[in-house]
Amino acid sequence: MKIYKHLEDFISARNAVVTTGTFDGVHLGHQQLITRLKETANRTNGETVLLSFFPHPRMVLNPDNKISLLNTEEEKISLLEKAGIDHLIVHPFNREFSMLSSEEFIKSILVSKLCTKKLIIGYDHHFGRDRLGSFNHLKEFGPVYGFDIEEIPAQEVKNIGVSSTKIRTALQSGNLEIVESFLGYKYELTGIVVKGRQLGRSIDFPTANLLISDALKMIPADGVYAVWVKRRDSVLKGMLNIGMRPTLDGKERTLEVNILDFEGDLYGETLTLYFVNRLRSEIKFDGLDALKVQLGKDREATRNILLD
């Protein structure tokens, strides 16, 4: 896959089959669209071109409305490469770009720059200034500028339309079943191990405190989770706590993972967590002894969930 950080870096693609959007999560709906993109390119001896943007347009257009993302830029690029895209353009999104009218976007971007032969978009896709561009708009201008247009229907799981917004909502409630069924893969977080208060050692549950590498990456709801932990070339079992540690009078939100059957120094290392199951909400216990008893139960539950 060829990657371009600006539209100006892109030169050409053979019989370009194009799609455009933020593709946050690269979820099942996105994957369905990419499959159609590749099928069309194979049939027409063409190449696939995906035009995406960073920052997320909502960060620029509604800066007061904070949004967390399902993927870091590196994760999204990796997912799109695995999906088999030929050309990925991650164009800077700013106020000036957002002021392009829908017809200007079609003429200057889709036609002049990308030389689009066929455009494939997701259901209810909008573009251009004030999001006035739509599928009907594209159908009107496609014949004028010499490209075909196709709209992919919404992908559904259990009669629910898949979207990045719904996945974020599910993460906020800790509903991993919905998250994984909509993404088609396990949600992940990557961070660096930093020094904590080391209180876990005092109750025989040492933890690695993670500082998440990307501040925009969405962190699931507070609670205790069974996770797979990737460390270098190994994948280990882990019990993760996200939250304020109320029993220990915590003052800030932390992510602490107890890696089962592991001893060693992890400070400064990078770990990636893959979320499997949410065991429970975070609870304030009546002292360390009660906390230790519950952690023992959580650890056994984690072992059962993460059976090899």
C-alpha atoms as a PDB file:
ATOM      1  CA  MET A   1       0.000   0.000   0.000  1.00  0.00           C
ATOM      2  CA  LYS A   2       1.294   3.453  -0.914  1.00  0.00           C
ATOM      3  CA  ILE A   3       0.661   6.123   1.713  1.00  0.00           C
ATOM      4  CA  TYR A   4       0.421   9.869   1.051  1.00  0.00           C
ATOM      5  CA  LYS A   5       0.217  12.558   3.743  1.00  0.00           C
ATOM      6  CA  HIS A   6      -1.252  15.179   1.403  1.00  0.00           C
ATOM      7  CA  LEU A   7      -3.347  15.209  -1.755  1.00  0.00           C
ATOM      8  CA  GLU A   8      -0.510  17.003  -3.525  1.00  0.00           C
ATOM      9  CA  ASP A   9       1.743  13.991  -2.932  1.00  0.00           C
ATOM     10  CA  PHE A  10      -0.589  11.721  -4.891  1.00  0.00           C
ATOM     11  CA  ILE A  11       0.319  11.408  -8.580  1.00  0.00           C
ATOM     12  CA  SER A  12      -1.962   8.856 -10.215  1.00  0.00           C
ATOM     13  CA  ALA A  13      -3.687   5.476 -10.068  1.00  0.00           C
ATOM     14  CA  ARG A  14      -4.736   3.222 -12.906  1.00  0.00           C
ATOM     15  CA  ASN A  15      -8.521   3.410 -13.516  1.00  0.00           C
ATOM     16  CA  ALA A  16      -8.951   4.819 -10.012  1.00  0.00           C
ATOM     17  CA  VAL A  17     -11.744   3.251  -7.947  1.00  0.00           C
ATOM     18  CA  VAL A  18     -12.172   5.739  -5.121  1.00  0.00           C
ATOM     19  CA  THR A  19     -13.819   6.028  -1.742  1.00  0.00           C
ATOM     20  CA  THR A  20     -13.585   8.786   0.838  1.00  0.00           C
ATOM     21  CA  GLY A  21     -14.295   9.194   4.544  1.00  0.00           C
ATOM     22  CA  THR A  22     -12.674   9.203   7.974  1.00  0.00           C
ATOM     23  CA  PHE A  23     -12.868   5.396   8.375  1.00  0.00           C
ATOM     24  CA  ASP A  24     -12.431   5.586  12.150  1.00  0.00           C
ATOM     25  CA  GLY A  25     -12.515   2.012  13.435  1.00  0.00           C
ATOM     26  CA  VAL A  26     -12.355   0.408   9.976  1.00  0.00           C
ATOM     27  CA  HIS A  27     -15.456  -1.467  11.165  1.00  0.00           C
ATOM     28  CA  LEU A  28     -17.634  -4.018   9.349  1.00  0.00           C
ATOM     29  CA  GLY A  29     -19.394  -1.310   7.340  1.00  0.00           C
ATOM     30  CA  HIS A  30     -16.049   0.051   6.162  1.00  0.00           C
ATOM     31  CA  GLN A  31     -14.818  -3.467   5.435  1.00  0.00           C
ATOM     32  CA  GLN A  32     -17.878  -4.183   3.281  1.00  0.00           C
ATOM     33  CA  LEU A  33     -17.226  -1.014   1.300  1.00  0.00           C
ATOM     34  CA  ILE A  34     -13.527  -1.886   0.848  1.00  0.00           C
ATOM     35  CA  THR A  35     -14.459  -5.363  -0.383  1.00  0.00           C
ATOM     36  CA  ARG A  36     -16.692  -3.792  -3.024  1.00  0.00           C
ATOM     37  CA  LEU A  37     -13.923  -1.327  -3.900  1.00  0.00           C
ATOM     38  CA  LYS A  38     -11.461  -4.165  -4.512  1.00  0.00           C
ATOM     39  CA  GLU A  39     -13.972  -6.237  -6.502  1.00  0.00           C
ATOM     40  CA  THR A  40     -14.621  -3.290  -8.801  1.00  0.00           C
ATOM     41  CA  ALA A  41     -10.907  -2.547  -9.242  1.00  0.00           C
ATOM     42  CA  ASN A  42     -10.191  -6.186 -10.117  1.00  0.00           C
ATOM     43  CA  ARG A  43     -12.973  -6.222 -12.684  1.00  0.00           C
ATOM     44  CA  THR A  44     -11.865  -2.985 -14.364  1.00  0.00           C
ATOM     45  CA  ASN A  45      -8.093  -3.524 -14.125  1.00  0.00           C
ATOM     46  CA  GLY A  46      -8.005  -0.559 -11.769  1.00  0.00           C
ATOM     47  CA  GLU A  47      -6.432   0.438  -8.460  1.00  0.00           C
ATOM     48  CA  THR A  48      -8.154   1.301  -5.190  1.00  0.00           C
ATOM     49  CA  VAL A  49      -7.756   4.791  -3.730  1.00  0.00           C
ATOM     50  CA  LEU A  50      -8.973   5.729  -0.244  1.00  0.00           C
ATOM     51  CA  LEU A  51      -9.042   9.411   0.676  1.00  0.00           C
ATOM     52  CA  SER A  52      -9.164   9.918   4.437  1.00  0.00           C
ATOM     53  CA  PHE A  53      -8.531  12.894   6.708  1.00  0.00           C
ATOM     54  CA  PHE A  54      -6.723  13.911   9.874  1.00  0.00           C
ATOM     55  CA  PRO A  55      -7.643  15.515  12.196  1.00  0.00           C
ATOM     56  CA  HIS A  56     -11.150  14.071  12.294  1.00  0.00           C
ATOM     57  CA  PRO A  57     -13.435  16.720  10.708  1.00  0.00           C
ATOM     58  CA  ARG A  58     -15.531  16.987  13.884  1.00  0.00           C
ATOM     59  CA  MET A  59     -12.422  18.128  15.780  1.00  0.00           C
ATOM     60  CA  VAL A  60     -12.058  21.052  13.393  1.00  0.00           C
ATOM     61  CA  LEU A  61     -15.707  21.954  12.850  1.00  0.00           C
ATOM     62  CA  ASN A  62     -16.817  21.462  16.481  1.00  0.00           C
ATOM     63  CA  PRO A  63     -13.715  21.964  18.632  1.00  0.00           C
ATOM     64  CA  ASP A  64     -15.787  22.312  21.803  1.00  0.00           C
ATOM     65  CA  ASN A  65     -17.369  18.907  21.239  1.00  0.00           C
ATOM     66  CA  LYS A  66     -14.555  16.588  22.273  1.00  0.00           C
ATOM     67  CA  ILE A  67     -14.323  13.304  20.369  1.00  0.00           C
ATOM     68  CA  SER A  68     -12.147  10.300  21.067  1.00  0.00           C
ATOM     69  CA  LEU A  69     -11.116   7.990  18.239  1.00  0.00           C
ATOM     70  CA  LEU A  70     -11.380   4.225  17.837  1.00  0.00           C
ATOM     71  CA  ASN A  71      -8.037   4.004  16.039  1.00  0.00           C
ATOM     72  CA  THR A  72      -4.736   5.758  16.286  1.00  0.00           C
ATOM     73  CA  GLU A  73      -3.419   6.821  12.888  1.00  0.00           C
ATOM     74  CA  GLU A  74      -0.962   3.897  12.968  1.00  0.00           C
ATOM     75  CA  GLU A  75      -3.731   1.399  13.776  1.00  0.00           C
ATOM     76  CA  LYS A  76      -5.952   2.690  10.978  1.00  0.00           C
ATOM     77  CA  ILE A  77      -3.135   2.553   8.439  1.00  0.00           C
ATOM     78  CA  SER A  78      -2.333  -1.022   9.496  1.00  0.00           C
ATOM     79  CA  LEU A  79      -5.976  -2.109   9.195  1.00  0.00           C
ATOM     80  CA  LEU A  80      -6.364  -0.525   5.766  1.00  0.00           C
ATOM     81  CA  GLU A  81      -3.140  -2.117   4.570  1.00  0.00           C
ATOM     82  CA  LYS A  82      -4.372  -5.543   5.734  1.00  0.00           C
ATOM     83  CA  ALA A  83      -7.651  -4.863   3.919  1.00  0.00           C
ATOM     84  CA  GLY A  84      -5.707  -4.535   0.663  1.00  0.00           C
ATOM     85  CA  ILE A  85      -6.019  -0.859  -0.292  1.00  0.00           C
ATOM     86  CA  ASP A  86      -3.573   0.195  -3.046  1.00  0.00           C
ATOM     87  CA  HIS A  87      -3.356   3.938  -2.321  1.00  0.00           C
ATOM     88  CA  LEU A  88      -4.137   5.640   1.010  1.00  0.00           C
ATOM     89  CA  ILE A  89      -4.222   9.447   1.201  1.00  0.00           C
ATOM     90  CA  VAL A  90      -4.453  10.935   4.709  1.00  0.00           C
ATOM     91  CA  HIS A  91      -5.072  14.591   3.888  1.00  0.00           C
ATOM     92  CA  PRO A  92      -4.867  17.354   6.544  1.00  0.00           C
ATOM     93  CA  PHE A  93      -8.376  18.571   7.349  1.00  0.00           C
ATOM     94  CA  ASN A  94      -8.647  22.262   8.204  1.00  0.00           C
ATOM     95  CA  ARG A  95     -11.126  25.133   7.987  1.00  0.00           C
ATOM     96  CA  GLU A  96     -10.034  26.071   4.502  1.00  0.00           C
ATOM     97  CA  PHE A  97     -10.585  22.549   3.201  1.00  0.00           C
ATOM     98  CA  SER A  98     -13.976  22.380   4.919  1.00  0.00           C
ATOM     99  CA  MET A  99     -15.138  25.428   2.934  1.00  0.00           C
ATOM    100  CA  LEU A 100     -14.994  23.599  -0.405  1.00  0.00           C
ATOM    101  CA  SER A 101     -18.490  23.328  -1.819  1.00  0.00           C
ATOM    102  CA  SER A 102     -19.701  19.887  -2.813  1.00  0.00           C
ATOM    103  CA  GLU A 103     -19.258  20.715  -6.506  1.00  0.00           C
ATOM    104  CA  GLU A 104     -15.769  22.123  -5.886  1.00  0.00           C
ATOM    105  CA  PHE A 105     -14.884  18.923  -4.020  1.00  0.00           C
ATOM    106  CA  ILE A 106     -16.126  16.806  -6.922  1.00  0.00           C
ATOM    107  CA  LYS A 107     -14.377  18.888  -9.581  1.00  0.00           C
ATOM    108  CA  SER A 108     -11.056  19.720  -7.928  1.00  0.00           C
ATOM    109  CA  ILE A 109     -10.529  16.614  -5.766  1.00  0.00           C
ATOM    110  CA  LEU A 110     -12.394  13.655  -7.244  1.00  0.00           C
ATOM    111  CA  VAL A 111     -11.938  14.596 -10.893  1.00  0.00           C
ATOM    112  CA  SER A 112      -8.857  16.807 -11.298  1.00  0.00           C
ATOM    113  CA  LYS A 113      -6.675  15.306  -8.577  1.00  0.00           C
ATOM    114  CA  LEU A 114      -7.775  11.673  -8.234  1.00  0.00           C
ATOM    115  CA  CYS A 115      -8.998  11.117 -11.830  1.00  0.00           C
ATOM    116  CA  THR A 116     -11.842   9.027 -10.435  1.00  0.00           C
ATOM    117  CA  LYS A 117     -13.332   6.401 -12.761  1.00  0.00           C
ATOM    118  CA  LYS A 118     -15.713   5.017 -10.153  1.00  0.00           C
ATOM    119  CA  LEU A 119     -16.660   6.374  -6.737  1.00  0.00           C
ATOM    120  CA  ILE A 120     -18.035   4.009  -4.089  1.00  0.00           C
ATOM    121  CA  ILE A 121     -19.398   5.541  -0.887  1.00  0.00           C
ATOM    122  CA  GLY A 122     -21.092   4.332   2.264  1.00  0.00           C
ATOM    123  CA  TYR A 123     -24.728   4.750   3.126  1.00  0.00           C
ATOM    124  CA  ASP A 124     -25.786   8.337   3.939  1.00  0.00           C
ATOM    125  CA  HIS A 125     -22.352   9.747   3.084  1.00  0.00           C
ATOM    126  CA  HIS A 126     -22.118  13.567   3.024  1.00  0.00           C
ATOM    127  CA  PHE A 127     -19.279  15.854   2.002  1.00  0.00           C
ATOM    128  CA  GLY A 128     -18.394  19.447   1.110  1.00  0.00           C
ATOM    129  CA  ARG A 129     -19.234  22.689   2.896  1.00  0.00           C
ATOM    130  CA  ASP A 130     -21.949  22.188   5.533  1.00  0.00           C
ATOM    131  CA  ARG A 131     -22.110  18.531   4.421  1.00  0.00           C
ATOM    132  CA  LEU A 132     -24.454  19.484   1.602  1.00  0.00           C
ATOM    133  CA  GLY A 133     -22.993  16.940  -0.836  1.00  0.00           C
ATOM    134  CA  SER A 134     -24.902  13.638  -0.986  1.00  0.00           C
ATOM    135  CA  PHE A 135     -25.357  10.521  -3.103  1.00  0.00           C
ATOM    136  CA  ASN A 136     -28.018  12.302  -5.191  1.00  0.00           C
ATOM    137  CA  HIS A 137     -25.595  15.175  -5.746  1.00  0.00           C
ATOM    138  CA  LEU A 138     -22.927  12.752  -6.929  1.00  0.00           C
ATOM    139  CA  LYS A 139     -25.388  10.968  -9.241  1.00  0.00           C
ATOM    140  CA  GLU A 140     -26.149  14.343 -10.824  1.00  0.00           C
ATOM    141  CA  PHE A 141     -22.511  15.333 -11.413  1.00  0.00           C
ATOM    142  CA  GLY A 142     -20.993  11.902 -12.112  1.00  0.00           C
ATOM    143  CA  PRO A 143     -22.105  11.797 -15.767  1.00  0.00           C
ATOM    144  CA  VAL A 144     -21.033  15.423 -16.223  1.00  0.00           C
ATOM    145  CA  TYR A 145     -17.466  14.683 -15.114  1.00  0.00           C
ATOM    146  CA  GLY A 146     -17.233  11.142 -16.444  1.00  0.00           C
ATOM    147  CA  PHE A 147     -17.263   8.867 -13.388  1.00  0.00           C
ATOM    148  CA  ASP A 148     -19.666   6.223 -12.094  1.00  0.00           C
ATOM    149  CA  ILE A 149     -21.092   6.288  -8.584  1.00  0.00           C
ATOM    150  CA  GLU A 150     -22.271   3.482  -6.284  1.00  0.00           C
ATOM    151  CA  GLU A 151     -23.667   3.615  -2.756  1.00  0.00           C
ATOM    152  CA  ILE A 152     -23.151   0.667  -0.386  1.00  0.00           C
ATOM    153  CA  PRO A 153     -26.092  -0.011   1.974  1.00  0.00           C
ATOM    154  CA  ALA A 154     -25.582   0.124   5.730  1.00  0.00           C
ATOM    155  CA  GLN A 155     -23.995  -3.002   7.195  1.00  0.00           C
ATOM    156  CA  GLU A 156     -26.167  -4.477   9.949  1.00  0.00           C
ATOM    157  CA  VAL A 157     -25.408  -6.745  12.907  1.00  0.00           C
ATOM    158  CA  LYS A 158     -28.554  -8.145  14.559  1.00  0.00           C
ATOM    159  CA  ASN A 159     -30.636  -5.591  12.653  1.00  0.00           C
ATOM    160  CA  ILE A 160     -28.575  -2.662  13.951  1.00  0.00           C
ATOM    161  CA  GLY A 161     -26.714  -0.427  11.505  1.00  0.00           C
ATOM    162  CA  VAL A 162     -22.972  -0.401  12.188  1.00  0.00           C
ATOM    163  CA  SER A 163     -21.346   2.997  12.741  1.00  0.00           C
ATOM    164  CA  SER A 164     -18.317   4.463  14.485  1.00  0.00           C
ATOM    165  CA  THR A 165     -20.616   6.509  16.745  1.00  0.00           C
ATOM    166  CA  LYS A 166     -22.439   3.388  17.969  1.00  0.00           C
ATOM    167  CA  ILE A 167     -19.121   1.680  18.677  1.00  0.00           C
ATOM    168  CA  ARG A 168     -17.951   4.663  20.741  1.00  0.00           C
ATOM    169  CA  THR A 169     -21.220   4.567  22.692  1.00  0.00           C
ATOM    170  CA  ALA A 170     -20.755   0.847  23.369  1.00  0.00           C
ATOM    171  CA  LEU A 171     -17.198   1.460  24.611  1.00  0.00           C
ATOM    172  CA  GLN A 172     -18.468   4.148  26.961  1.00  0.00           C
ATOM    173  CA  SER A 173     -20.720   1.551  28.602  1.00  0.00           C
ATOM    174  CA  GLY A 174     -18.152  -1.258  28.457  1.00  0.00           C
ATOM    175  CA  ASN A 175     -20.255  -3.379  26.101  1.00  0.00           C
ATOM    176  CA  LEU A 176     -17.466  -5.340  24.435  1.00  0.00           C
ATOM    177  CA  GLU A 177     -19.879  -7.737  22.750  1.00  0.00           C
ATOM    178  CA  ILE A 178     -21.262  -4.928  20.601  1.00  0.00           C
ATOM    179  CA  VAL A 179     -17.823  -3.393  20.090  1.00  0.00           C
ATOM    180  CA  GLU A 180     -16.263  -6.580  18.744  1.00  0.00           C
ATOM    181  CA  SER A 181     -19.318  -7.584  16.697  1.00  0.00           C
ATOM    182  CA  PHE A 182     -19.331  -4.166  14.989  1.00  0.00           C
ATOM    183  CA  LEU A 183     -15.557  -3.891  14.527  1.00  0.00           C
ATOM    184  CA  GLY A 184     -14.975  -7.467  13.451  1.00  0.00           C
ATOM    185  CA  TYR A 185     -11.855  -7.600  15.650  1.00  0.00           C
ATOM    186  CA  LYS A 186     -10.872  -7.033  19.289  1.00  0.00           C
ATOM    187  CA  TYR A 187     -10.527  -3.454  20.483  1.00  0.00           C
ATOM    188  CA  GLU A 188      -6.964  -2.559  21.405  1.00  0.00           C
ATOM    189  CA  LEU A 189      -5.003  -0.040  23.439  1.00  0.00           C
ATOM    190  CA  THR A 190      -1.250   0.537  23.321  1.00  0.00           C
ATOM    191  CA  GLY A 191       0.712   2.220  26.071  1.00  0.00           C
ATOM    192  CA  ILE A 192       4.050   2.558  27.826  1.00  0.00           C
ATOM    193  CA  VAL A 193       4.603   1.090  31.293  1.00  0.00           C
ATOM    194  CA  VAL A 194       5.278   3.835  33.850  1.00  0.00           C
ATOM    195  CA  LYS A 195       5.887   3.845  37.588  1.00  0.00           C
ATOM    196  CA  GLY A 196       2.801   3.804  39.784  1.00  0.00           C
ATOM    197  CA  ARG A 197       2.249   3.729  43.541  1.00  0.00           C
ATOM    198  CA  GLN A 198       3.191   0.020  43.621  1.00  0.00           C
ATOM    199  CA  LEU A 199       0.330  -0.755  46.021  1.00  0.00           C
ATOM    200  CA  GLY A 200      -0.611  -3.853  44.036  1.00  0.00           C
ATOM    201  CA  ARG A 201       2.590  -5.546  45.145  1.00  0.00           C
ATOM    202  CA  SER A 202       1.529  -5.235  48.794  1.00  0.00           C
ATOM    203  CA  ILE A 203      -1.527  -7.441  48.155  1.00  0.00           C
ATOM    204  CA  ASP A 204       0.204  -9.887  45.768  1.00  0.00           C
ATOM    205  CA  PHE A 205      -1.330  -8.405  42.619  1.00  0.00           C
ATOM    206  CA  PRO A 206       1.509  -6.424  41.005  1.00  0.00           C
ATOM    207  CA  THR A 207       0.378  -4.328  38.075  1.00  0.00           C
ATOM    208  CA  ALA A 208       1.908  -2.535  35.141  1.00  0.00           C
ATOM    209  CA  ASN A 209       0.636   1.049  34.952  1.00  0.00           C
ATOM    210  CA  LEU A 210       0.018   2.057  31.351  1.00  0.00           C
ATOM    211  CA  LEU A 211       0.333   5.520  29.893  1.00  0.00           C
ATOM    212  CA  ILE A 212      -1.678   5.437  26.658  1.00  0.00           C
ATOM    213  CA  SER A 213       0.498   6.576  23.783  1.00  0.00           C
ATOM    214  CA  ASP A 214      -2.178   8.546  21.874  1.00  0.00           C
ATOM    215  CA  ALA A 215      -4.246  11.077  23.825  1.00  0.00           C
ATOM    216  CA  LEU A 216      -7.049  10.904  21.218  1.00  0.00           C
ATOM    217  CA  LYS A 217      -7.515   7.140  21.589  1.00  0.00           C
ATOM    218  CA  MET A 218     -10.790   6.178  23.279  1.00  0.00           C
ATOM    219  CA  ILE A 219     -10.519   4.338  26.600  1.00  0.00           C
ATOM    220  CA  PRO A 220     -13.374   1.971  27.499  1.00  0.00           C
ATOM    221  CA  ALA A 221     -15.616   2.403  30.542  1.00  0.00           C
ATOM    222  CA  ASP A 222     -14.152   2.009  34.012  1.00  0.00           C
ATOM    223  CA  GLY A 223     -14.105  -1.558  35.261  1.00  0.00           C
ATOM    224  CA  VAL A 224     -12.195  -4.831  35.324  1.00  0.00           C
ATOM    225  CA  TYR A 225     -11.451  -6.608  32.032  1.00  0.00           C
ATOM    226  CA  ALA A 226      -9.913  -9.834  30.796  1.00  0.00           C
ATOM    227  CA  VAL A 227      -7.360  -8.876  28.141  1.00  0.00           C
ATOM    228  CA  TRP A 228      -4.650 -10.381  26.008  1.00  0.00           C
ATOM    229  CA  VAL A 229      -1.361  -8.539  26.500  1.00  0.00           C
ATOM    230  CA  LYS A 230       1.131  -8.350  23.650  1.00  0.00           C
ATOM    231  CA  ARG A 231       4.684  -7.852  24.887  1.00  0.00           C
ATOM    232  CA  ARG A 232       7.362  -7.957  22.205  1.00  0.00           C
ATOM    233  CA  ASP A 233       6.723 -11.285  20.427  1.00  0.00           C
ATOM    234  CA  SER A 234       4.720 -12.841  23.259  1.00  0.00           C
ATOM    235  CA  VAL A 235       0.999 -12.763  24.045  1.00  0.00           C
ATOM    236  CA  LEU A 236       0.156 -13.074  27.749  1.00  0.00           C
ATOM    237  CA  LYS A 237      -2.996 -13.245  29.860  1.00  0.00           C
ATOM    238  CA  GLY A 238      -3.942 -10.100  31.725  1.00  0.00           C
ATOM    239  CA  MET A 239      -6.479  -8.690  34.178  1.00  0.00           C
ATOM    240  CA  LEU A 240      -6.945  -4.967  33.581  1.00  0.00           C
ATOM    241  CA  ASN A 241      -8.439  -2.336  35.861  1.00  0.00           C
ATOM    242  CA  ILE A 242      -9.529   1.010  34.441  1.00  0.00           C
ATOM    243  CA  GLY A 243     -10.655   3.629  36.916  1.00  0.00           C
ATOM    244  CA  MET A 244     -10.001   5.692  40.011  1.00  0.00           C
ATOM    245  CA  ARG A 245      -9.087   2.829  42.416  1.00  0.00           C
ATOM    246  CA  PRO A 246     -11.601   4.029  45.049  1.00  0.00           C
ATOM    247  CA  THR A 247     -10.547   1.450  47.662  1.00  0.00           C
ATOM    248  CA  LEU A 248      -7.022   2.888  47.490  1.00  0.00           C
ATOM    249  CA  ASP A 249      -8.226   6.528  47.503  1.00  0.00           C
ATOM    250  CA  GLY A 250      -7.071   7.075  43.938  1.00  0.00           C
ATOM    251  CA  LYS A 251      -6.933  10.671  42.723  1.00  0.00           C
ATOM    252  CA  GLU A 252      -6.767  10.111  38.969  1.00  0.00           C
ATOM    253  CA  ARG A 253      -7.924   7.613  36.371  1.00  0.00           C
ATOM    254  CA  THR A 254      -5.393   4.857  35.729  1.00  0.00           C
ATOM    255  CA  LEU A 255      -4.994   1.727  33.612  1.00  0.00           C
ATOM    256  CA  GLU A 256      -3.297  -1.100  35.501  1.00  0.00           C
ATOM    257  CA  VAL A 257      -2.829  -4.590  34.133  1.00  0.00           C
ATOM    258  CA  ASN A 258      -1.935  -7.605  36.261  1.00  0.00           C
ATOM    259  CA  ILE A 259      -0.179 -10.035  33.906  1.00  0.00           C
ATOM    260  CA  LEU A 260      -0.870 -13.600  34.972  1.00  0.00           C
ATOM    261  CA  ASP A 261       2.059 -15.937  35.600  1.00  0.00           C
ATOM    262  CA  PHE A 262       4.634 -13.249  34.868  1.00  0.00           C
ATOM    263  CA  GLU A 263       7.534 -11.871  36.861  1.00  0.00           C
ATOM    264  CA  GLY A 264       9.910  -9.185  35.702  1.00  0.00           C
ATOM    265  CA  ASP A 265      10.538  -5.495  35.193  1.00  0.00           C
ATOM    266  CA  LEU A 266       8.358  -3.894  32.497  1.00  0.00           C
ATOM    267  CA  TYR A 267       9.144  -0.205  33.060  1.00  0.00           C
ATOM    268  CA  GLY A 268       9.545   1.666  29.798  1.00  0.00           C
ATOM    269  CA  GLU A 269       8.201  -1.186  27.684  1.00  0.00           C
ATOM    270  CA  THR A 270       5.346  -0.862  25.207  1.00  0.00           C
ATOM    271  CA  LEU A 271       2.360  -3.173  25.729  1.00  0.00           C
ATOM    272  CA  THR A 272      -0.722  -3.637  23.578  1.00  0.00           C
ATOM    273  CA  LEU A 273      -3.963  -4.786  25.213  1.00  0.00           C
ATOM    274  CA  TYR A 274      -6.682  -6.674  23.331  1.00  0.00           C
ATOM    275  CA  PHE A 275     -10.049  -6.497  25.119  1.00  0.00           C
ATOM    276  CA  VAL A 276     -11.871  -9.813  25.518  1.00  0.00           C
ATOM    277  CA  ASN A 277     -14.442  -9.496  28.312  1.00  0.00           C
ATOM    278  CA  ARG A 278     -15.626  -7.010  30.932  1.00  0.00           C
ATOM    279  CA  LEU A 279     -15.801  -8.779  34.284  1.00  0.00           C
ATOM    280  CA  ARG A 280     -17.417  -6.093  36.409  1.00  0.00           C
ATOM    281  CA  SER A 281     -17.689  -2.419  37.242  1.00  0.00           C
ATOM    282  CA  GLU A 282     -15.170  -0.744  39.529  1.00  0.00           C
ATOM    283  CA  ILE A 283     -16.224  -1.068  43.174  1.00  0.00           C
ATOM    284  CA  LYS A 284     -15.104   0.495  46.449  1.00  0.00           C
ATOM    285  CA  PHE A 285     -14.399  -2.291  48.952  1.00  0.00           C
ATOM    286  CA  ASP A 286     -14.230  -2.182  52.747  1.00  0.00           C
ATOM    287  CA  GLY A 287     -10.459  -2.327  52.933  1.00  0.00           C
ATOM    288  CA  LEU A 288      -7.580  -4.124  51.245  1.00  0.00           C
ATOM    289  CA  ASP A 289      -8.532  -7.604  52.471  1.00  0.00           C
ATOM    290  CA  ALA A 290     -11.925  -7.444  50.762  1.00  0.00           C
ATOM    291  CA  LEU A 291     -10.276  -6.065  47.608  1.00  0.00           C
ATOM    292  CA  LYS A 292      -7.733  -8.897  47.622  1.00  0.00           C
ATOM    293  CA  VAL A 293     -10.490 -11.536  47.876  1.00  0.00           C
ATOM    294  CA  GLN A 294     -12.334 -10.034  44.914  1.00  0.00           C
ATOM    295  CA  LEU A 295      -9.169  -9.756  42.836  1.00  0.00           C
ATOM    296  CA  GLY A 296      -8.586 -13.459  43.424  1.00  0.00           C
ATOM    297  CA  LYS A 297     -12.038 -14.188  42.019  1.00  0.00           C
ATOM    298  CA  ASP A 298     -11.388 -11.842  39.086  1.00  0.00           C
ATOM    299  CA  ARG A 299      -8.110 -13.577  38.322  1.00  0.00           C
ATOM    300  CA  GLU A 300      -9.794 -17.009  38.217  1.00  0.00           C
ATOM    301  CA  ALA A 301     -12.524 -15.623  35.972  1.00  0.00           C
ATOM    302  CA  THR A 302      -9.842 -14.181  33.707  1.00  0.00           C
ATOM    303  CA  ARG A 303      -8.077 -17.553  33.490  1.00  0.00           C
ATOM    304  CA  ASN A 304     -11.326 -19.254  32.496  1.00  0.00           C
ATOM    305  CA  ILE A 305     -12.118 -16.644  29.847  1.00  0.00           C
ATOM    306  CA  LEU A 306      -8.623 -16.697  28.348  1.00  0.00           C
ATOM    307  CA  LEU A 307      -8.287 -20.447  28.054  1.00  0.00           C
ATOM    308  CA  ASP A 308      -5.770 -21.379  25.363  1.00  0.00           C
END
